[in-house]
Amino acid sequence: MRHVSYNKTSVLNERKMSTKNIREQERQENRDKRLQLILEVGKRLFADRGLAMVNMKEVAKEAQISRATLYRYFPSKEDLAFAIERHFFRDVLLPEYREQIAKASGNGYQKVEFHLRLIIASFYRYPDYYKFTGAFDHYFNYRQKPDELAEAMKLIFNKDFDEDPLVGFLREGIADGSIEPRLDPYLTAKTIDQTLLSLCQRVAARKEELALELEIKDSELMIENLVSLLLNGIRSN
């Protein structure tokens, strides 16, 4: 019968390490959950009332945590706002966009349309985030120098693709004859995206008021109409 060596001290140490790892994992999970809660609460308060009208005390109270705990995550309201902006574009929109844009097919024009439909779909899924981005832009445009704000935003919108997919689709459409050849692909892509984003922000912030003010059935129809106008504008004759 083989003799098996049994080191009691070694086994106890392994158990202690295992317990320590489990506890550390639980603490990390709790930190992650608290972070997500802070981001969600901040997004909701900032979107509903604007960044200028909300302070960190209110965020902490709504998240049911102490201000000391909140400040351990974010030193200031501005830091929190940038974290929410980054979370939306990099952790929410980008993964979904990457997965879906890979399915784009057809000629260049059809791929541009597919891209725009993805943006509309994201608006319908996340209207509160679009409302927040509008409040974010309004707040920081008056509180940071243009070059400083541009550099800060580049950290959020860093290079995710070898080429902006929309720019590539426009180039492809010009090459295959489905898109107006005189267009500048880069300038056109940025104009399309910024125009659509701006209208999504405005509708998200003032959906009911716009419908009443402009006497239209549903202000969200303006987004669909804008996409149709943009597509008609780039289509090759």
C-alpha atoms as a PDB file:
ATOM      1  CA  MET A   1       0.000   0.000   0.000  1.00  0.00           C
ATOM      2  CA  ARG A   2       1.478   3.395  -1.079  1.00  0.00           C
ATOM      3  CA  HIS A   3       2.129   5.886   1.690  1.00  0.00           C
ATOM      4  CA  VAL A   4       0.657   9.305   0.949  1.00  0.00           C
ATOM      5  CA  SER A   5       2.407  12.275   2.516  1.00  0.00           C
ATOM      6  CA  TYR A   6       0.016  14.627   4.255  1.00  0.00           C
ATOM      7  CA  ASN A   7       1.174  18.131   5.117  1.00  0.00           C
ATOM      8  CA  LYS A   8      -1.462  19.640   7.394  1.00  0.00           C
ATOM      9  CA  THR A   9       0.132  23.098   7.392  1.00  0.00           C
ATOM     10  CA  SER A  10       0.164  23.189   3.586  1.00  0.00           C
ATOM     11  CA  VAL A  11      -3.497  22.219   3.371  1.00  0.00           C
ATOM     12  CA  LEU A  12      -4.475  24.883   5.907  1.00  0.00           C
ATOM     13  CA  ASN A  13      -2.525  27.525   4.010  1.00  0.00           C
ATOM     14  CA  GLU A  14      -4.247  26.531   0.761  1.00  0.00           C
ATOM     15  CA  ARG A  15      -7.624  26.816   2.448  1.00  0.00           C
ATOM     16  CA  LYS A  16      -6.726  30.258   3.820  1.00  0.00           C
ATOM     17  CA  MET A  17      -5.605  31.402   0.392  1.00  0.00           C
ATOM     18  CA  SER A  18      -8.769  30.030  -1.159  1.00  0.00           C
ATOM     19  CA  THR A  19     -10.935  31.839   1.399  1.00  0.00           C
ATOM     20  CA  LYS A  20      -8.922  35.017   0.890  1.00  0.00           C
ATOM     21  CA  ASN A  21      -9.373  34.808  -2.881  1.00  0.00           C
ATOM     22  CA  ILE A  22     -13.109  34.245  -2.526  1.00  0.00           C
ATOM     23  CA  ARG A  23     -13.456  37.226  -0.207  1.00  0.00           C
ATOM     24  CA  GLU A  24     -11.411  39.417  -2.530  1.00  0.00           C
ATOM     25  CA  GLN A  25     -13.556  38.329  -5.464  1.00  0.00           C
ATOM     26  CA  GLU A  26     -16.707  39.168  -3.502  1.00  0.00           C
ATOM     27  CA  ARG A  27     -15.294  42.591  -2.582  1.00  0.00           C
ATOM     28  CA  GLN A  28     -14.456  43.259  -6.239  1.00  0.00           C
ATOM     29  CA  GLU A  29     -17.937  42.211  -7.330  1.00  0.00           C
ATOM     30  CA  ASN A  30     -19.436  44.547  -4.740  1.00  0.00           C
ATOM     31  CA  ARG A  31     -17.219  47.384  -5.952  1.00  0.00           C
ATOM     32  CA  ASP A  32     -18.263  46.719  -9.552  1.00  0.00           C
ATOM     33  CA  LYS A  33     -21.952  46.657  -8.607  1.00  0.00           C
ATOM     34  CA  ARG A  34     -21.590  49.905  -6.666  1.00  0.00           C
ATOM     35  CA  LEU A  35     -19.795  51.502  -9.616  1.00  0.00           C
ATOM     36  CA  GLN A  36     -22.578  50.510 -11.997  1.00  0.00           C
ATOM     37  CA  LEU A  37     -25.150  51.894  -9.563  1.00  0.00           C
ATOM     38  CA  ILE A  38     -23.308  55.221  -9.311  1.00  0.00           C
ATOM     39  CA  LEU A  39     -23.062  55.485 -13.097  1.00  0.00           C
ATOM     40  CA  GLU A  40     -26.772  54.726 -13.495  1.00  0.00           C
ATOM     41  CA  VAL A  41     -27.841  57.182 -10.793  1.00  0.00           C
ATOM     42  CA  GLY A  42     -25.554  59.898 -12.139  1.00  0.00           C
ATOM     43  CA  LYS A  43     -26.824  59.372 -15.684  1.00  0.00           C
ATOM     44  CA  ARG A  44     -30.443  59.625 -14.582  1.00  0.00           C
ATOM     45  CA  LEU A  45     -29.987  62.731 -12.435  1.00  0.00           C
ATOM     46  CA  PHE A  46     -27.809  64.532 -14.981  1.00  0.00           C
ATOM     47  CA  ALA A  47     -30.183  63.683 -17.829  1.00  0.00           C
ATOM     48  CA  ASP A  48     -33.287  64.793 -15.936  1.00  0.00           C
ATOM     49  CA  ARG A  49     -31.964  68.011 -14.395  1.00  0.00           C
ATOM     50  CA  GLY A  50     -28.748  68.928 -16.199  1.00  0.00           C
ATOM     51  CA  LEU A  51     -25.241  68.701 -14.796  1.00  0.00           C
ATOM     52  CA  ALA A  52     -25.190  72.231 -13.420  1.00  0.00           C
ATOM     53  CA  MET A  53     -28.204  71.564 -11.169  1.00  0.00           C
ATOM     54  CA  VAL A  54     -26.955  68.316  -9.586  1.00  0.00           C
ATOM     55  CA  ASN A  55     -24.293  67.991  -6.892  1.00  0.00           C
ATOM     56  CA  MET A  56     -22.394  65.002  -5.535  1.00  0.00           C
ATOM     57  CA  LYS A  57     -24.388  65.023  -2.292  1.00  0.00           C
ATOM     58  CA  GLU A  58     -27.557  64.305  -4.287  1.00  0.00           C
ATOM     59  CA  VAL A  59     -25.848  61.531  -6.272  1.00  0.00           C
ATOM     60  CA  ALA A  60     -24.662  59.873  -3.057  1.00  0.00           C
ATOM     61  CA  LYS A  61     -28.099  60.141  -1.469  1.00  0.00           C
ATOM     62  CA  GLU A  62     -29.843  58.674  -4.523  1.00  0.00           C
ATOM     63  CA  ALA A  63     -27.300  55.827  -4.717  1.00  0.00           C
ATOM     64  CA  GLN A  64     -27.696  55.243  -0.947  1.00  0.00           C
ATOM     65  CA  ILE A  65     -23.995  55.535  -0.245  1.00  0.00           C
ATOM     66  CA  SER A  66     -21.935  58.022   1.729  1.00  0.00           C
ATOM     67  CA  ARG A  67     -20.275  60.965   0.050  1.00  0.00           C
ATOM     68  CA  ALA A  68     -16.931  59.594   1.212  1.00  0.00           C
ATOM     69  CA  THR A  69     -17.627  56.376  -0.682  1.00  0.00           C
ATOM     70  CA  LEU A  70     -18.725  58.282  -3.774  1.00  0.00           C
ATOM     71  CA  TYR A  71     -15.563  60.401  -3.728  1.00  0.00           C
ATOM     72  CA  ARG A  72     -13.446  57.257  -3.588  1.00  0.00           C
ATOM     73  CA  TYR A  73     -14.851  56.393  -6.984  1.00  0.00           C
ATOM     74  CA  PHE A  74     -14.987  59.885  -8.484  1.00  0.00           C
ATOM     75  CA  PRO A  75     -13.177  62.970  -7.116  1.00  0.00           C
ATOM     76  CA  SER A  76     -15.657  65.364  -8.710  1.00  0.00           C
ATOM     77  CA  LYS A  77     -18.966  65.673 -10.537  1.00  0.00           C
ATOM     78  CA  GLU A  78     -17.059  66.298 -13.754  1.00  0.00           C
ATOM     79  CA  ASP A  79     -15.102  63.066 -13.356  1.00  0.00           C
ATOM     80  CA  LEU A  80     -18.360  61.198 -12.853  1.00  0.00           C
ATOM     81  CA  ALA A  81     -19.887  62.786 -15.949  1.00  0.00           C
ATOM     82  CA  PHE A  82     -16.929  61.803 -18.111  1.00  0.00           C
ATOM     83  CA  ALA A  83     -17.092  58.256 -16.730  1.00  0.00           C
ATOM     84  CA  ILE A  84     -20.771  58.013 -17.692  1.00  0.00           C
ATOM     85  CA  GLU A  85     -20.022  59.344 -21.188  1.00  0.00           C
ATOM     86  CA  ARG A  86     -17.196  56.839 -21.604  1.00  0.00           C
ATOM     87  CA  HIS A  87     -19.290  53.972 -20.234  1.00  0.00           C
ATOM     88  CA  PHE A  88     -22.110  54.683 -22.677  1.00  0.00           C
ATOM     89  CA  PHE A  89     -20.001  54.878 -25.802  1.00  0.00           C
ATOM     90  CA  ARG A  90     -17.316  52.318 -25.000  1.00  0.00           C
ATOM     91  CA  ASP A  91     -19.079  49.738 -22.812  1.00  0.00           C
ATOM     92  CA  VAL A  92     -22.646  49.946 -24.132  1.00  0.00           C
ATOM     93  CA  LEU A  93     -22.739  51.207 -27.728  1.00  0.00           C
ATOM     94  CA  LEU A  94     -19.385  50.068 -29.119  1.00  0.00           C
ATOM     95  CA  PRO A  95     -19.677  46.316 -28.353  1.00  0.00           C
ATOM     96  CA  GLU A  96     -23.178  46.217 -29.846  1.00  0.00           C
ATOM     97  CA  TYR A  97     -22.099  48.231 -32.884  1.00  0.00           C
ATOM     98  CA  ARG A  98     -19.045  46.022 -33.507  1.00  0.00           C
ATOM     99  CA  GLU A  99     -21.186  42.900 -33.456  1.00  0.00           C
ATOM    100  CA  GLN A 100     -23.882  44.280 -35.744  1.00  0.00           C
ATOM    101  CA  ILE A 101     -21.790  46.254 -38.242  1.00  0.00           C
ATOM    102  CA  ALA A 102     -19.949  43.077 -39.190  1.00  0.00           C
ATOM    103  CA  LYS A 103     -23.255  41.916 -40.697  1.00  0.00           C
ATOM    104  CA  ALA A 104     -23.466  44.855 -43.126  1.00  0.00           C
ATOM    105  CA  SER A 105     -23.839  43.638 -46.700  1.00  0.00           C
ATOM    106  CA  GLY A 106     -24.703  44.888 -50.184  1.00  0.00           C
ATOM    107  CA  ASN A 107     -23.262  47.912 -51.938  1.00  0.00           C
ATOM    108  CA  GLY A 108     -21.813  50.965 -50.225  1.00  0.00           C
ATOM    109  CA  TYR A 109     -25.141  52.804 -50.104  1.00  0.00           C
ATOM    110  CA  GLN A 110     -26.877  49.831 -48.470  1.00  0.00           C
ATOM    111  CA  LYS A 111     -24.108  49.598 -45.872  1.00  0.00           C
ATOM    112  CA  VAL A 112     -24.471  53.296 -45.048  1.00  0.00           C
ATOM    113  CA  GLU A 113     -28.200  52.739 -44.556  1.00  0.00           C
ATOM    114  CA  PHE A 114     -27.446  49.773 -42.298  1.00  0.00           C
ATOM    115  CA  HIS A 115     -25.121  51.964 -40.202  1.00  0.00           C
ATOM    116  CA  LEU A 116     -27.801  54.644 -39.808  1.00  0.00           C
ATOM    117  CA  ARG A 117     -30.420  52.075 -38.834  1.00  0.00           C
ATOM    118  CA  LEU A 118     -28.093  50.852 -36.095  1.00  0.00           C
ATOM    119  CA  ILE A 119     -27.869  54.393 -34.706  1.00  0.00           C
ATOM    120  CA  ILE A 120     -31.651  54.731 -34.715  1.00  0.00           C
ATOM    121  CA  ALA A 121     -32.016  51.367 -32.978  1.00  0.00           C
ATOM    122  CA  SER A 122     -29.580  52.468 -30.265  1.00  0.00           C
ATOM    123  CA  PHE A 123     -31.622  55.641 -29.743  1.00  0.00           C
ATOM    124  CA  TYR A 124     -34.796  53.649 -29.168  1.00  0.00           C
ATOM    125  CA  ARG A 125     -32.972  51.339 -26.738  1.00  0.00           C
ATOM    126  CA  TYR A 126     -31.145  54.041 -24.792  1.00  0.00           C
ATOM    127  CA  PRO A 127     -33.061  57.359 -24.946  1.00  0.00           C
ATOM    128  CA  ASP A 128     -31.899  58.323 -21.436  1.00  0.00           C
ATOM    129  CA  TYR A 129     -28.269  58.003 -22.472  1.00  0.00           C
ATOM    130  CA  TYR A 130     -28.846  60.232 -25.501  1.00  0.00           C
ATOM    131  CA  LYS A 131     -30.552  62.716 -23.217  1.00  0.00           C
ATOM    132  CA  PHE A 132     -27.522  62.583 -20.938  1.00  0.00           C
ATOM    133  CA  THR A 133     -25.066  63.161 -23.799  1.00  0.00           C
ATOM    134  CA  GLY A 134     -26.969  66.324 -24.700  1.00  0.00           C
ATOM    135  CA  ALA A 135     -26.733  67.578 -21.105  1.00  0.00           C
ATOM    136  CA  PHE A 136     -23.043  66.599 -21.059  1.00  0.00           C
ATOM    137  CA  ASP A 137     -22.266  68.595 -24.218  1.00  0.00           C
ATOM    138  CA  HIS A 138     -24.144  71.663 -22.966  1.00  0.00           C
ATOM    139  CA  TYR A 139     -22.372  71.633 -19.596  1.00  0.00           C
ATOM    140  CA  PHE A 140     -18.807  71.148 -20.760  1.00  0.00           C
ATOM    141  CA  ASN A 141     -18.994  73.461 -23.772  1.00  0.00           C
ATOM    142  CA  TYR A 142     -19.217  76.355 -21.313  1.00  0.00           C
ATOM    143  CA  ARG A 143     -16.693  75.076 -18.781  1.00  0.00           C
ATOM    144  CA  GLN A 144     -13.672  73.823 -20.698  1.00  0.00           C
ATOM    145  CA  LYS A 145     -11.436  75.308 -23.339  1.00  0.00           C
ATOM    146  CA  PRO A 146     -12.112  73.793 -26.781  1.00  0.00           C
ATOM    147  CA  ASP A 147      -8.663  72.189 -27.057  1.00  0.00           C
ATOM    148  CA  GLU A 148      -8.869  70.694 -23.552  1.00  0.00           C
ATOM    149  CA  LEU A 149     -12.353  69.315 -24.183  1.00  0.00           C
ATOM    150  CA  ALA A 150     -11.277  67.906 -27.548  1.00  0.00           C
ATOM    151  CA  GLU A 151      -8.346  66.070 -25.962  1.00  0.00           C
ATOM    152  CA  ALA A 152     -10.561  64.700 -23.197  1.00  0.00           C
ATOM    153  CA  MET A 153     -13.107  63.446 -25.719  1.00  0.00           C
ATOM    154  CA  LYS A 154     -10.395  61.793 -27.801  1.00  0.00           C
ATOM    155  CA  LEU A 155      -9.663  59.596 -24.795  1.00  0.00           C
ATOM    156  CA  ILE A 156     -13.248  58.350 -25.048  1.00  0.00           C
ATOM    157  CA  PHE A 157     -13.441  58.127 -28.829  1.00  0.00           C
ATOM    158  CA  ASN A 158     -10.015  56.690 -29.460  1.00  0.00           C
ATOM    159  CA  LYS A 159      -9.301  54.699 -32.583  1.00  0.00           C
ATOM    160  CA  ASP A 160     -11.507  51.601 -32.473  1.00  0.00           C
ATOM    161  CA  PHE A 161     -11.282  50.644 -36.136  1.00  0.00           C
ATOM    162  CA  ASP A 162      -8.543  50.863 -38.760  1.00  0.00           C
ATOM    163  CA  GLU A 163     -11.013  53.139 -40.539  1.00  0.00           C
ATOM    164  CA  ASP A 164     -14.338  54.612 -39.473  1.00  0.00           C
ATOM    165  CA  PRO A 165     -16.842  52.093 -40.962  1.00  0.00           C
ATOM    166  CA  LEU A 166     -19.082  54.888 -42.266  1.00  0.00           C
ATOM    167  CA  VAL A 167     -16.145  56.508 -44.082  1.00  0.00           C
ATOM    168  CA  GLY A 168     -15.308  53.129 -45.585  1.00  0.00           C
ATOM    169  CA  PHE A 169     -18.896  52.524 -46.683  1.00  0.00           C
ATOM    170  CA  LEU A 170     -19.046  55.928 -48.366  1.00  0.00           C
ATOM    171  CA  ARG A 171     -15.785  55.247 -50.204  1.00  0.00           C
ATOM    172  CA  GLU A 172     -17.111  51.856 -51.220  1.00  0.00           C
ATOM    173  CA  GLY A 173     -20.343  53.415 -52.480  1.00  0.00           C
ATOM    174  CA  ILE A 174     -18.468  56.012 -54.518  1.00  0.00           C
ATOM    175  CA  ALA A 175     -16.377  53.234 -56.046  1.00  0.00           C
ATOM    176  CA  ASP A 176     -19.344  50.995 -56.889  1.00  0.00           C
ATOM    177  CA  GLY A 177     -21.472  53.875 -58.181  1.00  0.00           C
ATOM    178  CA  SER A 178     -24.207  53.738 -55.533  1.00  0.00           C
ATOM    179  CA  ILE A 179     -23.159  57.023 -53.838  1.00  0.00           C
ATOM    180  CA  GLU A 180     -22.673  60.527 -55.259  1.00  0.00           C
ATOM    181  CA  PRO A 181     -19.016  60.633 -56.422  1.00  0.00           C
ATOM    182  CA  ARG A 182     -18.403  64.310 -55.580  1.00  0.00           C
ATOM    183  CA  LEU A 183     -18.819  63.745 -51.840  1.00  0.00           C
ATOM    184  CA  ASP A 184     -15.859  63.893 -49.462  1.00  0.00           C
ATOM    185  CA  PRO A 185     -16.208  60.560 -47.589  1.00  0.00           C
ATOM    186  CA  TYR A 186     -14.624  61.742 -44.332  1.00  0.00           C
ATOM    187  CA  LEU A 187     -16.428  65.089 -44.138  1.00  0.00           C
ATOM    188  CA  THR A 188     -19.724  63.482 -45.166  1.00  0.00           C
ATOM    189  CA  ALA A 189     -19.407  60.730 -42.538  1.00  0.00           C
ATOM    190  CA  LYS A 190     -18.737  63.197 -39.726  1.00  0.00           C
ATOM    191  CA  THR A 191     -21.552  65.486 -40.892  1.00  0.00           C
ATOM    192  CA  ILE A 192     -24.030  62.596 -41.005  1.00  0.00           C
ATOM    193  CA  ASP A 193     -23.079  61.222 -37.592  1.00  0.00           C
ATOM    194  CA  GLN A 194     -23.044  64.598 -35.825  1.00  0.00           C
ATOM    195  CA  THR A 195     -26.335  65.702 -37.383  1.00  0.00           C
ATOM    196  CA  LEU A 196     -28.088  62.489 -36.435  1.00  0.00           C
ATOM    197  CA  LEU A 197     -26.611  62.502 -32.922  1.00  0.00           C
ATOM    198  CA  SER A 198     -27.722  66.106 -32.363  1.00  0.00           C
ATOM    199  CA  LEU A 199     -31.315  65.401 -33.370  1.00  0.00           C
ATOM    200  CA  CYS A 200     -31.395  62.234 -31.235  1.00  0.00           C
ATOM    201  CA  GLN A 201     -30.191  64.275 -28.252  1.00  0.00           C
ATOM    202  CA  ARG A 202     -32.826  66.963 -28.813  1.00  0.00           C
ATOM    203  CA  VAL A 203     -35.689  64.514 -29.248  1.00  0.00           C
ATOM    204  CA  ALA A 204     -34.569  62.520 -26.202  1.00  0.00           C
ATOM    205  CA  ALA A 205     -34.547  65.691 -24.102  1.00  0.00           C
ATOM    206  CA  ARG A 206     -37.783  67.277 -25.382  1.00  0.00           C
ATOM    207  CA  LYS A 207     -39.828  64.524 -27.005  1.00  0.00           C
ATOM    208  CA  GLU A 208     -43.289  65.539 -25.770  1.00  0.00           C
ATOM    209  CA  GLU A 209     -42.615  69.284 -25.861  1.00  0.00           C
ATOM    210  CA  LEU A 210     -41.374  69.125 -29.466  1.00  0.00           C
ATOM    211  CA  ALA A 211     -44.430  67.200 -30.594  1.00  0.00           C
ATOM    212  CA  LEU A 212     -46.700  69.861 -29.087  1.00  0.00           C
ATOM    213  CA  GLU A 213     -44.558  72.821 -30.104  1.00  0.00           C
ATOM    214  CA  LEU A 214     -44.128  71.696 -33.712  1.00  0.00           C
ATOM    215  CA  GLU A 215     -47.612  70.207 -33.961  1.00  0.00           C
ATOM    216  CA  ILE A 216     -46.465  66.814 -35.174  1.00  0.00           C
ATOM    217  CA  LYS A 217     -47.784  63.454 -34.118  1.00  0.00           C
ATOM    218  CA  ASP A 218     -44.508  62.069 -32.783  1.00  0.00           C
ATOM    219  CA  SER A 219     -41.201  63.929 -32.612  1.00  0.00           C
ATOM    220  CA  GLU A 220     -39.325  60.646 -33.053  1.00  0.00           C
ATOM    221  CA  LEU A 221     -40.606  60.631 -36.639  1.00  0.00           C
ATOM    222  CA  MET A 222     -38.158  63.474 -37.303  1.00  0.00           C
ATOM    223  CA  ILE A 223     -35.281  61.061 -36.738  1.00  0.00           C
ATOM    224  CA  GLU A 224     -36.651  58.610 -39.287  1.00  0.00           C
ATOM    225  CA  ASN A 225     -37.261  61.497 -41.685  1.00  0.00           C
ATOM    226  CA  LEU A 226     -33.732  62.835 -41.237  1.00  0.00           C
ATOM    227  CA  VAL A 227     -32.254  59.447 -42.104  1.00  0.00           C
ATOM    228  CA  SER A 228     -34.361  59.335 -45.273  1.00  0.00           C
ATOM    229  CA  LEU A 229     -33.180  62.826 -46.233  1.00  0.00           C
ATOM    230  CA  LEU A 230     -29.545  61.937 -45.585  1.00  0.00           C
ATOM    231  CA  LEU A 231     -29.809  58.774 -47.634  1.00  0.00           C
ATOM    232  CA  ASN A 232     -31.486  60.594 -50.507  1.00  0.00           C
ATOM    233  CA  GLY A 233     -28.772  63.232 -50.356  1.00  0.00           C
ATOM    234  CA  ILE A 234     -25.874  60.809 -50.786  1.00  0.00           C
ATOM    235  CA  ARG A 235     -27.509  58.482 -53.324  1.00  0.00           C
ATOM    236  CA  SER A 236     -25.953  58.540 -56.776  1.00  0.00           C
ATOM    237  CA  ASN A 237     -28.297  59.882 -59.479  1.00  0.00           C
END
